[in-house]
Amino acid sequence: MNFLFGLIPLQAQPDGGSPFGAFVPIILITGIFYLLLIRPQQKKQKKLEAMIKAVDKGDNVVTTGGLHGKVIGVTDDVLTLDIGGVKGERIKVKVARGRIEQVDAASKKGDES
């Protein structure tokens, strides 16, 4: 364990050591944060944006508010969802495209349930 701490100087050396040595821990921590937190989040965000752009009529979706519905109308920024029926009438709601959280994979393959 002492071997690992010997590689990372925690403070500048009083005998006139390199001032760069004080920045090594900051650089290492930044690199670890990038690899463990920032990069995976960027990948997840790109995947979500691609999924939202690919939503089309007939897809089953879930909104961030928890509504489950089938897309029956598509415009640039607004989707019309059919969320059920009451007494023979279908209930339709309009939802902003950015509020879609999940697209059912089975509806993408053409499987209707």
PDB file of N, CA and C in Angstrom:
ATOM      1  N   MET A   1       0.821  -1.191   0.000  1.00  0.00           N
ATOM      2  CA  MET A   1       0.000   0.000   0.000  1.00  0.00           C
ATOM      3  C   MET A   1       0.866   1.255   0.000  1.00  0.00           C
ATOM      4  N   ASN A   2       1.968   1.222   0.730  1.00  0.00           N
ATOM      5  CA  ASN A   2       2.856   2.379   0.747  1.00  0.00           C
ATOM      6  C   ASN A   2       3.469   2.624  -0.622  1.00  0.00           C
ATOM      7  N   PHE A   3       3.587   1.560  -1.418  1.00  0.00           N
ATOM      8  CA  PHE A   3       4.125   1.704  -2.760  1.00  0.00           C
ATOM      9  C   PHE A   3       3.250   2.632  -3.602  1.00  0.00           C
ATOM     10  N   LEU A   4       1.909   2.477  -3.502  1.00  0.00           N
ATOM     11  CA  LEU A   4       1.005   3.313  -4.279  1.00  0.00           C
ATOM     12  C   LEU A   4       1.064   4.776  -3.856  1.00  0.00           C
ATOM     13  N   PHE A   5       1.128   5.012  -2.548  1.00  0.00           N
ATOM     14  CA  PHE A   5       1.175   6.392  -2.081  1.00  0.00           C
ATOM     15  C   PHE A   5       2.526   7.040  -2.364  1.00  0.00           C
ATOM     16  N   GLY A   6       3.552   6.240  -2.543  1.00  0.00           N
ATOM     17  CA  GLY A   6       4.862   6.775  -2.876  1.00  0.00           C
ATOM     18  C   GLY A   6       4.913   7.310  -4.290  1.00  0.00           C
ATOM     19  N   LEU A   7       4.028   6.822  -5.168  1.00  0.00           N
ATOM     20  CA  LEU A   7       4.006   7.287  -6.553  1.00  0.00           C
ATOM     21  C   LEU A   7       3.349   8.653  -6.711  1.00  0.00           C
ATOM     22  N   ILE A   8       2.443   8.995  -5.789  1.00  0.00           N
ATOM     23  CA  ILE A   8       1.696  10.243  -5.899  1.00  0.00           C
ATOM     24  C   ILE A   8       2.139  11.187  -4.790  1.00  0.00           C
ATOM     25  N   PRO A   9       2.900  12.202  -5.137  1.00  0.00           N
ATOM     26  CA  PRO A   9       3.299  13.161  -4.100  1.00  0.00           C
ATOM     27  C   PRO A   9       2.092  14.019  -3.699  1.00  0.00           C
ATOM     28  N   LEU A  10       1.831  14.093  -2.413  1.00  0.00           N
ATOM     29  CA  LEU A  10       0.667  14.832  -1.940  1.00  0.00           C
ATOM     30  C   LEU A  10       0.960  16.317  -1.743  1.00  0.00           C
ATOM     31  N   GLN A  11       2.212  16.688  -1.670  1.00  0.00           N
ATOM     32  CA  GLN A  11       2.562  18.099  -1.554  1.00  0.00           C
ATOM     33  C   GLN A  11       3.896  18.325  -2.249  1.00  0.00           C
ATOM     34  N   ALA A  12       4.161  19.590  -2.568  1.00  0.00           N
ATOM     35  CA  ALA A  12       5.416  19.926  -3.235  1.00  0.00           C
ATOM     36  C   ALA A  12       6.586  19.643  -2.295  1.00  0.00           C
ATOM     37  N   GLN A  13       7.685  19.203  -2.858  1.00  0.00           N
ATOM     38  CA  GLN A  13       8.877  18.897  -2.069  1.00  0.00           C
ATOM     39  C   GLN A  13       9.522  20.187  -1.555  1.00  0.00           C
ATOM     40  N   PRO A  14       9.877  20.255  -0.265  1.00  0.00           N
ATOM     41  CA  PRO A  14      10.472  21.483   0.276  1.00  0.00           C
ATOM     42  C   PRO A  14      11.886  21.730  -0.232  1.00  0.00           C
ATOM     43  N   ASP A  15      12.533  20.733  -0.792  1.00  0.00           N
ATOM     44  CA  ASP A  15      13.910  20.916  -1.236  1.00  0.00           C
ATOM     45  C   ASP A  15      13.997  21.410  -2.679  1.00  0.00           C
ATOM     46  N   GLY A  16      12.959  22.094  -3.159  1.00  0.00           N
ATOM     47  CA  GLY A  16      13.014  22.668  -4.497  1.00  0.00           C
ATOM     48  C   GLY A  16      12.645  21.666  -5.577  1.00  0.00           C
ATOM     49  N   GLY A  17      11.764  20.725  -5.272  1.00  0.00           N
ATOM     50  CA  GLY A  17      11.331  19.738  -6.255  1.00  0.00           C
ATOM     51  C   GLY A  17      10.517  20.379  -7.362  1.00  0.00           C
ATOM     52  N   SER A  18      10.131  19.603  -8.316  1.00  0.00           N
ATOM     53  CA  SER A  18       9.390  20.088  -9.472  1.00  0.00           C
ATOM     54  C   SER A  18       8.013  20.613  -9.065  1.00  0.00           C
ATOM     55  N   PRO A  19       7.638  21.816  -9.519  1.00  0.00           N
ATOM     56  CA  PRO A  19       6.300  22.321  -9.194  1.00  0.00           C
ATOM     57  C   PRO A  19       5.212  21.519  -9.918  1.00  0.00           C
ATOM     58  N   PHE A  20       5.584  20.798 -10.964  1.00  0.00           N
ATOM     59  CA  PHE A  20       4.626  19.949 -11.679  1.00  0.00           C
ATOM     60  C   PHE A  20       4.128  18.803 -10.795  1.00  0.00           C
ATOM     61  N   GLY A  21       4.948  18.384  -9.861  1.00  0.00           N
ATOM     62  CA  GLY A  21       4.595  17.277  -8.971  1.00  0.00           C
ATOM     63  C   GLY A  21       3.343  17.555  -8.152  1.00  0.00           C
ATOM     64  N   ALA A  22       3.047  18.809  -7.885  1.00  0.00           N
ATOM     65  CA  ALA A  22       1.852  19.164  -7.119  1.00  0.00           C
ATOM     66  C   ALA A  22       0.583  18.999  -7.953  1.00  0.00           C
ATOM     67  N   PHE A  23       0.714  19.017  -9.273  1.00  0.00           N
ATOM     68  CA  PHE A  23      -0.454  18.907 -10.135  1.00  0.00           C
ATOM     69  C   PHE A  23      -0.772  17.466 -10.547  1.00  0.00           C
ATOM     70  N   VAL A  24       0.127  16.545 -10.283  1.00  0.00           N
ATOM     71  CA  VAL A  24      -0.088  15.144 -10.670  1.00  0.00           C
ATOM     72  C   VAL A  24      -1.353  14.565 -10.042  1.00  0.00           C
ATOM     73  N   PRO A  25      -1.611  14.749  -8.749  1.00  0.00           N
ATOM     74  CA  PRO A  25      -2.850  14.194  -8.177  1.00  0.00           C
ATOM     75  C   PRO A  25      -4.116  14.786  -8.801  1.00  0.00           C
ATOM     76  N   ILE A  26      -4.092  16.068  -9.104  1.00  0.00           N
ATOM     77  CA  ILE A  26      -5.254  16.710  -9.713  1.00  0.00           C
ATOM     78  C   ILE A  26      -5.497  16.135 -11.106  1.00  0.00           C
ATOM     79  N   ILE A  27      -4.423  15.937 -11.867  1.00  0.00           N
ATOM     80  CA  ILE A  27      -4.543  15.358 -13.206  1.00  0.00           C
ATOM     81  C   ILE A  27      -5.072  13.930 -13.124  1.00  0.00           C
ATOM     82  N   LEU A  28      -4.582  13.136 -12.180  1.00  0.00           N
ATOM     83  CA  LEU A  28      -5.038  11.754 -12.024  1.00  0.00           C
ATOM     84  C   LEU A  28      -6.516  11.689 -11.622  1.00  0.00           C
ATOM     85  N   ILE A  29      -6.929  12.523 -10.708  1.00  0.00           N
ATOM     86  CA  ILE A  29      -8.330  12.532 -10.271  1.00  0.00           C
ATOM     87  C   ILE A  29      -9.241  12.953 -11.421  1.00  0.00           C
ATOM     88  N   THR A  30      -8.828  13.952 -12.193  1.00  0.00           N
ATOM     89  CA  THR A  30      -9.616  14.391 -13.342  1.00  0.00           C
ATOM     90  C   THR A  30      -9.748  13.269 -14.365  1.00  0.00           C
ATOM     91  N   GLY A  31      -8.655  12.550 -14.622  1.00  0.00           N
ATOM     92  CA  GLY A  31      -8.692  11.426 -15.555  1.00  0.00           C
ATOM     93  C   GLY A  31      -9.616  10.311 -15.083  1.00  0.00           C
ATOM     94  N   ILE A  32      -9.580  10.007 -13.805  1.00  0.00           N
ATOM     95  CA  ILE A  32     -10.461   8.964 -13.239  1.00  0.00           C
ATOM     96  C   ILE A  32     -11.916   9.393 -13.348  1.00  0.00           C
ATOM     97  N   PHE A  33     -12.231  10.646 -13.011  1.00  0.00           N
ATOM     98  CA  PHE A  33     -13.609  11.137 -13.140  1.00  0.00           C
ATOM     99  C   PHE A  33     -14.094  11.049 -14.580  1.00  0.00           C
ATOM    100  N   TYR A  34     -13.226  11.402 -15.525  1.00  0.00           N
ATOM    101  CA  TYR A  34     -13.620  11.344 -16.928  1.00  0.00           C
ATOM    102  C   TYR A  34     -13.945   9.909 -17.333  1.00  0.00           C
ATOM    103  N   LEU A  35     -13.083   8.977 -16.979  1.00  0.00           N
ATOM    104  CA  LEU A  35     -13.284   7.587 -17.388  1.00  0.00           C
ATOM    105  C   LEU A  35     -14.469   6.915 -16.694  1.00  0.00           C
ATOM    106  N   LEU A  36     -14.697   7.244 -15.438  1.00  0.00           N
ATOM    107  CA  LEU A  36     -15.747   6.558 -14.674  1.00  0.00           C
ATOM    108  C   LEU A  36     -17.100   7.257 -14.678  1.00  0.00           C
ATOM    109  N   LEU A  37     -17.131   8.569 -14.865  1.00  0.00           N
ATOM    110  CA  LEU A  37     -18.399   9.297 -14.757  1.00  0.00           C
ATOM    111  C   LEU A  37     -18.800  10.026 -16.039  1.00  0.00           C
ATOM    112  N   ILE A  38     -17.937  10.835 -16.565  1.00  0.00           N
ATOM    113  CA  ILE A  38     -18.310  11.717 -17.666  1.00  0.00           C
ATOM    114  C   ILE A  38     -18.492  10.948 -18.972  1.00  0.00           C
ATOM    115  N   ARG A  39     -17.557  10.112 -19.337  1.00  0.00           N
ATOM    116  CA  ARG A  39     -17.626   9.384 -20.615  1.00  0.00           C
ATOM    117  C   ARG A  39     -18.839   8.453 -20.697  1.00  0.00           C
ATOM    118  N   PRO A  40     -19.109   7.634 -19.668  1.00  0.00           N
ATOM    119  CA  PRO A  40     -20.311   6.784 -19.753  1.00  0.00           C
ATOM    120  C   PRO A  40     -21.605   7.591 -19.845  1.00  0.00           C
ATOM    121  N   GLN A  41     -21.676   8.728 -19.168  1.00  0.00           N
ATOM    122  CA  GLN A  41     -22.880   9.555 -19.222  1.00  0.00           C
ATOM    123  C   GLN A  41     -23.066  10.149 -20.612  1.00  0.00           C
ATOM    124  N   GLN A  42     -21.972  10.547 -21.267  1.00  0.00           N
ATOM    125  CA  GLN A  42     -22.059  11.075 -22.624  1.00  0.00           C
ATOM    126  C   GLN A  42     -22.552  10.006 -23.591  1.00  0.00           C
ATOM    127  N   LYS A  43     -22.076   8.766 -23.430  1.00  0.00           N
ATOM    128  CA  LYS A  43     -22.528   7.672 -24.293  1.00  0.00           C
ATOM    129  C   LYS A  43     -24.016   7.400 -24.088  1.00  0.00           C
ATOM    130  N   LYS A  44     -24.444   7.408 -22.842  1.00  0.00           N
ATOM    131  CA  LYS A  44     -25.855   7.166 -22.530  1.00  0.00           C
ATOM    132  C   LYS A  44     -26.731   8.263 -23.125  1.00  0.00           C
ATOM    133  N   GLN A  45     -26.292   9.508 -23.045  1.00  0.00           N
ATOM    134  CA  GLN A  45     -27.051  10.634 -23.580  1.00  0.00           C
ATOM    135  C   GLN A  45     -27.167  10.552 -25.099  1.00  0.00           C
ATOM    136  N   LYS A  46     -26.092  10.194 -25.782  1.00  0.00           N
ATOM    137  CA  LYS A  46     -26.135  10.055 -27.239  1.00  0.00           C
ATOM    138  C   LYS A  46     -27.087   8.944 -27.650  1.00  0.00           C
ATOM    139  N   LYS A  47     -27.078   7.836 -26.925  1.00  0.00           N
ATOM    140  CA  LYS A  47     -27.973   6.711 -27.224  1.00  0.00           C
ATOM    141  C   LYS A  47     -29.431   7.125 -27.034  1.00  0.00           C
ATOM    142  N   LEU A  48     -29.728   7.867 -25.963  1.00  0.00           N
ATOM    143  CA  LEU A  48     -31.088   8.332 -25.695  1.00  0.00           C
ATOM    144  C   LEU A  48     -31.557   9.294 -26.791  1.00  0.00           C
ATOM    145  N   GLU A  49     -30.692  10.214 -27.215  1.00  0.00           N
ATOM    146  CA  GLU A  49     -31.062  11.169 -28.270  1.00  0.00           C
ATOM    147  C   GLU A  49     -31.343  10.455 -29.591  1.00  0.00           C
ATOM    148  N   ALA A  50     -30.540   9.445 -29.919  1.00  0.00           N
ATOM    149  CA  ALA A  50     -30.769   8.684 -31.151  1.00  0.00           C
ATOM    150  C   ALA A  50     -32.090   7.919 -31.077  1.00  0.00           C
ATOM    151  N   MET A  51     -32.404   7.373 -29.906  1.00  0.00           N
ATOM    152  CA  MET A  51     -33.647   6.632 -29.717  1.00  0.00           C
ATOM    153  C   MET A  51     -34.850   7.563 -29.880  1.00  0.00           C
ATOM    154  N   ILE A  52     -34.767   8.762 -29.315  1.00  0.00           N
ATOM    155  CA  ILE A  52     -35.877   9.713 -29.392  1.00  0.00           C
ATOM    156  C   ILE A  52     -36.086  10.186 -30.829  1.00  0.00           C
ATOM    157  N   LYS A  53     -35.004  10.400 -31.573  1.00  0.00           N
ATOM    158  CA  LYS A  53     -35.139  10.829 -32.970  1.00  0.00           C
ATOM    159  C   LYS A  53     -35.757   9.743 -33.838  1.00  0.00           C
ATOM    160  N   ALA A  54     -35.587   8.477 -33.451  1.00  0.00           N
ATOM    161  CA  ALA A  54     -36.062   7.358 -34.261  1.00  0.00           C
ATOM    162  C   ALA A  54     -37.508   6.966 -33.960  1.00  0.00           C
ATOM    163  N   VAL A  55     -38.172   7.644 -33.021  1.00  0.00           N
ATOM    164  CA  VAL A  55     -39.558   7.305 -32.686  1.00  0.00           C
ATOM    165  C   VAL A  55     -40.450   7.585 -33.886  1.00  0.00           C
ATOM    166  N   ASP A  56     -41.321   6.622 -34.206  1.00  0.00           N
ATOM    167  CA  ASP A  56     -42.192   6.737 -35.367  1.00  0.00           C
ATOM    168  C   ASP A  56     -43.580   6.209 -35.003  1.00  0.00           C
ATOM    169  N   LYS A  57     -44.527   6.359 -35.901  1.00  0.00           N
ATOM    170  CA  LYS A  57     -45.885   5.866 -35.661  1.00  0.00           C
ATOM    171  C   LYS A  57     -45.865   4.371 -35.381  1.00  0.00           C
ATOM    172  N   GLY A  58     -46.696   3.972 -34.423  1.00  0.00           N
ATOM    173  CA  GLY A  58     -46.818   2.567 -34.086  1.00  0.00           C
ATOM    174  C   GLY A  58     -45.912   2.111 -32.960  1.00  0.00           C
ATOM    175  N   ASP A  59     -44.961   2.935 -32.535  1.00  0.00           N
ATOM    176  CA  ASP A  59     -44.067   2.558 -31.442  1.00  0.00           C
ATOM    177  C   ASP A  59     -44.773   2.705 -30.104  1.00  0.00           C
ATOM    178  N   ASN A  60     -44.521   1.775 -29.205  1.00  0.00           N
ATOM    179  CA  ASN A  60     -45.001   1.887 -27.827  1.00  0.00           C
ATOM    180  C   ASN A  60     -43.922   2.596 -27.026  1.00  0.00           C
ATOM    181  N   VAL A  61     -44.314   3.653 -26.299  1.00  0.00           N
ATOM    182  CA  VAL A  61     -43.345   4.464 -25.570  1.00  0.00           C
ATOM    183  C   VAL A  61     -43.792   4.664 -24.130  1.00  0.00           C
ATOM    184  N   VAL A  62     -42.826   5.084 -23.306  1.00  0.00           N
ATOM    185  CA  VAL A  62     -43.087   5.474 -21.922  1.00  0.00           C
ATOM    186  C   VAL A  62     -42.535   6.881 -21.754  1.00  0.00           C
ATOM    187  N   THR A  63     -43.342   7.776 -21.189  1.00  0.00           N
ATOM    188  CA  THR A  63     -42.895   9.155 -20.978  1.00  0.00           C
ATOM    189  C   THR A  63     -42.201   9.270 -19.631  1.00  0.00           C
ATOM    190  N   THR A  64     -41.550  10.407 -19.397  1.00  0.00           N
ATOM    191  CA  THR A  64     -40.889  10.629 -18.114  1.00  0.00           C
ATOM    192  C   THR A  64     -41.913  10.728 -16.986  1.00  0.00           C
ATOM    193  N   GLY A  65     -43.157  11.048 -17.320  1.00  0.00           N
ATOM    194  CA  GLY A  65     -44.221  11.106 -16.321  1.00  0.00           C
ATOM    195  C   GLY A  65     -44.846   9.753 -16.036  1.00  0.00           C
ATOM    196  N   GLY A  66     -44.440   8.736 -16.792  1.00  0.00           N
ATOM    197  CA  GLY A  66     -44.928   7.393 -16.534  1.00  0.00           C
ATOM    198  C   GLY A  66     -46.088   6.946 -17.410  1.00  0.00           C
ATOM    199  N   LEU A  67     -46.501   7.764 -18.366  1.00  0.00           N
ATOM    200  CA  LEU A  67     -47.585   7.371 -19.268  1.00  0.00           C
ATOM    201  C   LEU A  67     -47.075   6.360 -20.293  1.00  0.00           C
ATOM    202  N   HIS A  68     -47.834   5.279 -20.457  1.00  0.00           N
ATOM    203  CA  HIS A  68     -47.531   4.286 -21.484  1.00  0.00           C
ATOM    204  C   HIS A  68     -48.521   4.504 -22.607  1.00  0.00           C
ATOM    205  N   GLY A  69     -48.030   4.542 -23.836  1.00  0.00           N
ATOM    206  CA  GLY A  69     -48.938   4.747 -24.945  1.00  0.00           C
ATOM    207  C   GLY A  69     -48.325   4.350 -26.262  1.00  0.00           C
ATOM    208  N   LYS A  70     -49.162   4.393 -27.279  1.00  0.00           N
ATOM    209  CA  LYS A  70     -48.746   4.065 -28.633  1.00  0.00           C
ATOM    210  C   LYS A  70     -48.741   5.346 -29.453  1.00  0.00           C
ATOM    211  N   VAL A  71     -47.665   5.576 -30.185  1.00  0.00           N
ATOM    212  CA  VAL A  71     -47.531   6.783 -30.995  1.00  0.00           C
ATOM    213  C   VAL A  71     -48.458   6.666 -32.204  1.00  0.00           C
ATOM    214  N   ILE A  72     -49.357   7.666 -32.343  1.00  0.00           N
ATOM    215  CA  ILE A  72     -50.273   7.674 -33.484  1.00  0.00           C
ATOM    216  C   ILE A  72     -50.065   8.885 -34.376  1.00  0.00           C
ATOM    217  N   GLY A  73     -49.267   9.846 -33.900  1.00  0.00           N
ATOM    218  CA  GLY A  73     -48.992  11.037 -34.691  1.00  0.00           C
ATOM    219  C   GLY A  73     -47.609  11.567 -34.366  1.00  0.00           C
ATOM    220  N   VAL A  74     -46.892  12.020 -35.384  1.00  0.00           N
ATOM    221  CA  VAL A  74     -45.519  12.498 -35.196  1.00  0.00           C
ATOM    222  C   VAL A  74     -45.341  13.826 -35.917  1.00  0.00           C
ATOM    223  N   THR A  75     -44.811  14.816 -35.188  1.00  0.00           N
ATOM    224  CA  THR A  75     -44.335  16.058 -35.800  1.00  0.00           C
ATOM    225  C   THR A  75     -42.894  16.244 -35.334  1.00  0.00           C
ATOM    226  N   ASP A  76     -42.311  17.384 -35.646  1.00  0.00           N
ATOM    227  CA  ASP A  76     -40.913  17.597 -35.277  1.00  0.00           C
ATOM    228  C   ASP A  76     -40.688  17.499 -33.772  1.00  0.00           C
ATOM    229  N   ASP A  77     -41.491  18.215 -32.989  1.00  0.00           N
ATOM    230  CA  ASP A  77     -41.258  18.280 -31.549  1.00  0.00           C
ATOM    231  C   ASP A  77     -42.366  17.662 -30.712  1.00  0.00           C
ATOM    232  N   VAL A  78     -43.472  17.262 -31.313  1.00  0.00           N
ATOM    233  CA  VAL A  78     -44.625  16.770 -30.553  1.00  0.00           C
ATOM    234  C   VAL A  78     -45.055  15.402 -31.072  1.00  0.00           C
ATOM    235  N   LEU A  79     -45.314  14.494 -30.129  1.00  0.00           N
ATOM    236  CA  LEU A  79     -45.844  13.174 -30.461  1.00  0.00           C
ATOM    237  C   LEU A  79     -47.261  13.077 -29.916  1.00  0.00           C
ATOM    238  N   THR A  80     -48.160  12.466 -30.675  1.00  0.00           N
ATOM    239  CA  THR A  80     -49.506  12.208 -30.189  1.00  0.00           C
ATOM    240  C   THR A  80     -49.570  10.746 -29.784  1.00  0.00           C
ATOM    241  N   LEU A  81     -49.960  10.511 -28.522  1.00  0.00           N
ATOM    242  CA  LEU A  81     -50.016   9.159 -27.987  1.00  0.00           C
ATOM    243  C   LEU A  81     -51.453   8.741 -27.742  1.00  0.00           C
ATOM    244  N   ASP A  82     -51.743   7.481 -28.032  1.00  0.00           N
ATOM    245  CA  ASP A  82     -53.015   6.864 -27.680  1.00  0.00           C
ATOM    246  C   ASP A  82     -52.744   6.098 -26.390  1.00  0.00           C
ATOM    247  N   ILE A  83     -53.371   6.533 -25.280  1.00  0.00           N
ATOM    248  CA  ILE A  83     -53.063   5.918 -23.994  1.00  0.00           C
ATOM    249  C   ILE A  83     -54.175   5.020 -23.472  1.00  0.00           C
ATOM    250  N   GLY A  84     -55.242   4.841 -24.216  1.00  0.00           N
ATOM    251  CA  GLY A  84     -56.299   3.931 -23.774  1.00  0.00           C
ATOM    252  C   GLY A  84     -57.649   4.384 -24.283  1.00  0.00           C
ATOM    253  N   GLY A  85     -58.679   3.775 -23.737  1.00  0.00           N
ATOM    254  CA  GLY A  85     -60.019   4.121 -24.174  1.00  0.00           C
ATOM    255  C   GLY A  85     -61.019   4.050 -23.034  1.00  0.00           C
ATOM    256  N   VAL A  86     -62.038   4.903 -23.117  1.00  0.00           N
ATOM    257  CA  VAL A  86     -63.122   4.919 -22.142  1.00  0.00           C
ATOM    258  C   VAL A  86     -64.435   4.994 -22.912  1.00  0.00           C
ATOM    259  N   LYS A  87     -65.321   4.042 -22.668  1.00  0.00           N
ATOM    260  CA  LYS A  87     -66.651   4.008 -23.278  1.00  0.00           C
ATOM    261  C   LYS A  87     -66.571   4.148 -24.805  1.00  0.00           C
ATOM    262  N   GLY A  88     -65.644   3.429 -25.415  1.00  0.00           N
ATOM    263  CA  GLY A  88     -65.550   3.425 -26.871  1.00  0.00           C
ATOM    264  C   GLY A  88     -64.781   4.582 -27.469  1.00  0.00           C
ATOM    265  N   GLU A  89     -64.353   5.540 -26.673  1.00  0.00           N
ATOM    266  CA  GLU A  89     -63.578   6.665 -27.192  1.00  0.00           C
ATOM    267  C   GLU A  89     -62.120   6.511 -26.786  1.00  0.00           C
ATOM    268  N   ARG A  90     -61.215   6.764 -27.723  1.00  0.00           N
ATOM    269  CA  ARG A  90     -59.780   6.665 -27.454  1.00  0.00           C
ATOM    270  C   ARG A  90     -59.291   7.947 -26.796  1.00  0.00           C
ATOM    271  N   ILE A  91     -58.378   7.803 -25.851  1.00  0.00           N
ATOM    272  CA  ILE A  91     -57.788   8.952 -25.164  1.00  0.00           C
ATOM    273  C   ILE A  91     -56.447   9.238 -25.832  1.00  0.00           C
ATOM    274  N   LYS A  92     -56.313  10.466 -26.322  1.00  0.00           N
ATOM    275  CA  LYS A  92     -55.092  10.882 -27.009  1.00  0.00           C
ATOM    276  C   LYS A  92     -54.483  12.051 -26.258  1.00  0.00           C
ATOM    277  N   VAL A  93     -53.167  12.009 -26.103  1.00  0.00           N
ATOM    278  CA  VAL A  93     -52.444  13.112 -25.464  1.00  0.00           C
ATOM    279  C   VAL A  93     -51.273  13.507 -26.347  1.00  0.00           C
ATOM    280  N   LYS A  94     -50.908  14.773 -26.261  1.00  0.00           N
ATOM    281  CA  LYS A  94     -49.741  15.258 -26.995  1.00  0.00           C
ATOM    282  C   LYS A  94     -48.601  15.414 -26.002  1.00  0.00           C
ATOM    283  N   VAL A  95     -47.429  14.929 -26.401  1.00  0.00           N
ATOM    284  CA  VAL A  95     -46.265  14.912 -25.522  1.00  0.00           C
ATOM    285  C   VAL A  95     -45.073  15.463 -26.291  1.00  0.00           C
ATOM    286  N   ALA A  96     -44.267  16.264 -25.617  1.00  0.00           N
ATOM    287  CA  ALA A  96     -43.035  16.752 -26.238  1.00  0.00           C
ATOM    288  C   ALA A  96     -42.099  15.579 -26.489  1.00  0.00           C
ATOM    289  N   ARG A  97     -41.468  15.583 -27.628  1.00  0.00           N
ATOM    290  CA  ARG A  97     -40.580  14.477 -28.015  1.00  0.00           C
ATOM    291  C   ARG A  97     -39.471  14.265 -26.979  1.00  0.00           C
ATOM    292  N   GLY A  98     -38.991  15.322 -26.376  1.00  0.00           N
ATOM    293  CA  GLY A  98     -37.919  15.226 -25.383  1.00  0.00           C
ATOM    294  C   GLY A  98     -38.340  14.572 -24.080  1.00  0.00           C
ATOM    295  N   ARG A  99     -39.637  14.399 -23.869  1.00  0.00           N
ATOM    296  CA  ARG A  99     -40.141  13.784 -22.643  1.00  0.00           C
ATOM    297  C   ARG A  99     -40.306  12.272 -22.765  1.00  0.00           C
ATOM    298  N   ILE A 100     -39.870  11.698 -23.882  1.00  0.00           N
ATOM    299  CA  ILE A 100     -39.931  10.246 -24.047  1.00  0.00           C
ATOM    300  C   ILE A 100     -38.735   9.648 -23.320  1.00  0.00           C
ATOM    301  N   GLU A 101     -39.010   8.683 -22.466  1.00  0.00           N
ATOM    302  CA  GLU A 101     -37.955   8.064 -21.676  1.00  0.00           C
ATOM    303  C   GLU A 101     -37.542   6.711 -22.228  1.00  0.00           C
ATOM    304  N   GLN A 102     -38.498   5.990 -22.808  1.00  0.00           N
ATOM    305  CA  GLN A 102     -38.200   4.631 -23.240  1.00  0.00           C
ATOM    306  C   GLN A 102     -39.074   4.267 -24.439  1.00  0.00           C
ATOM    307  N   VAL A 103     -38.497   3.522 -25.369  1.00  0.00           N
ATOM    308  CA  VAL A 103     -39.238   2.993 -26.507  1.00  0.00           C
ATOM    309  C   VAL A 103     -39.211   1.486 -26.390  1.00  0.00           C
ATOM    310  N   ASP A 104     -40.388   0.858 -26.480  1.00  0.00           N
ATOM    311  CA  ASP A 104     -40.482  -0.592 -26.357  1.00  0.00           C
ATOM    312  C   ASP A 104     -39.801  -1.251 -27.552  1.00  0.00           C
ATOM    313  N   ALA A 105     -38.851  -2.136 -27.283  1.00  0.00           N
ATOM    314  CA  ALA A 105     -38.084  -2.789 -28.343  1.00  0.00           C
ATOM    315  C   ALA A 105     -38.974  -3.700 -29.186  1.00  0.00           C
ATOM    316  N   ALA A 106     -39.995  -4.302 -28.598  1.00  0.00           N
ATOM    317  CA  ALA A 106     -40.878  -5.204 -29.346  1.00  0.00           C
ATOM    318  C   ALA A 106     -41.651  -4.436 -30.423  1.00  0.00           C
ATOM    319  N   SER A 107     -42.017  -3.183 -30.139  1.00  0.00           N
ATOM    320  CA  SER A 107     -42.764  -2.406 -31.137  1.00  0.00           C
ATOM    321  C   SER A 107     -41.867  -2.004 -32.301  1.00  0.00           C
ATOM    322  N   LYS A 108     -40.584  -1.900 -32.075  1.00  0.00           N
ATOM    323  CA  LYS A 108     -39.639  -1.568 -33.142  1.00  0.00           C
ATOM    324  C   LYS A 108     -39.505  -2.716 -34.139  1.00  0.00           C
ATOM    325  N   LYS A 109     -39.670  -3.954 -33.648  1.00  0.00           N
ATOM    326  CA  LYS A 109     -39.542  -5.127 -34.516  1.00  0.00           C
ATOM    327  C   LYS A 109     -40.821  -5.431 -35.260  1.00  0.00           C
ATOM    328  N   GLY A 110     -41.893  -4.712 -34.932  1.00  0.00           N
ATOM    329  CA  GLY A 110     -43.156  -4.934 -35.620  1.00  0.00           C
ATOM    330  C   GLY A 110     -44.081  -5.858 -34.858  1.00  0.00           C
ATOM    331  N   ASP A 111     -43.715  -6.303 -33.656  1.00  0.00           N
ATOM    332  CA  ASP A 111     -44.574  -7.159 -32.851  1.00  0.00           C
ATOM    333  C   ASP A 111     -45.630  -6.315 -32.176  1.00  0.00           C
ATOM    334  N   GLU A 112     -46.870  -6.542 -32.475  1.00  0.00           N
ATOM    335  CA  GLU A 112     -47.973  -5.800 -31.859  1.00  0.00           C
ATOM    336  C   GLU A 112     -48.558  -6.630 -30.730  1.00  0.00           C
ATOM    337  N   SER A 113     -48.814  -6.000 -29.580  1.00  0.00           N
ATOM    338  CA  SER A 113     -49.402  -6.736 -28.467  1.00  0.00           C
ATOM    339  C   SER A 113     -50.734  -6.191 -28.061  1.00  0.00           C
TER     340      SER A 113
END
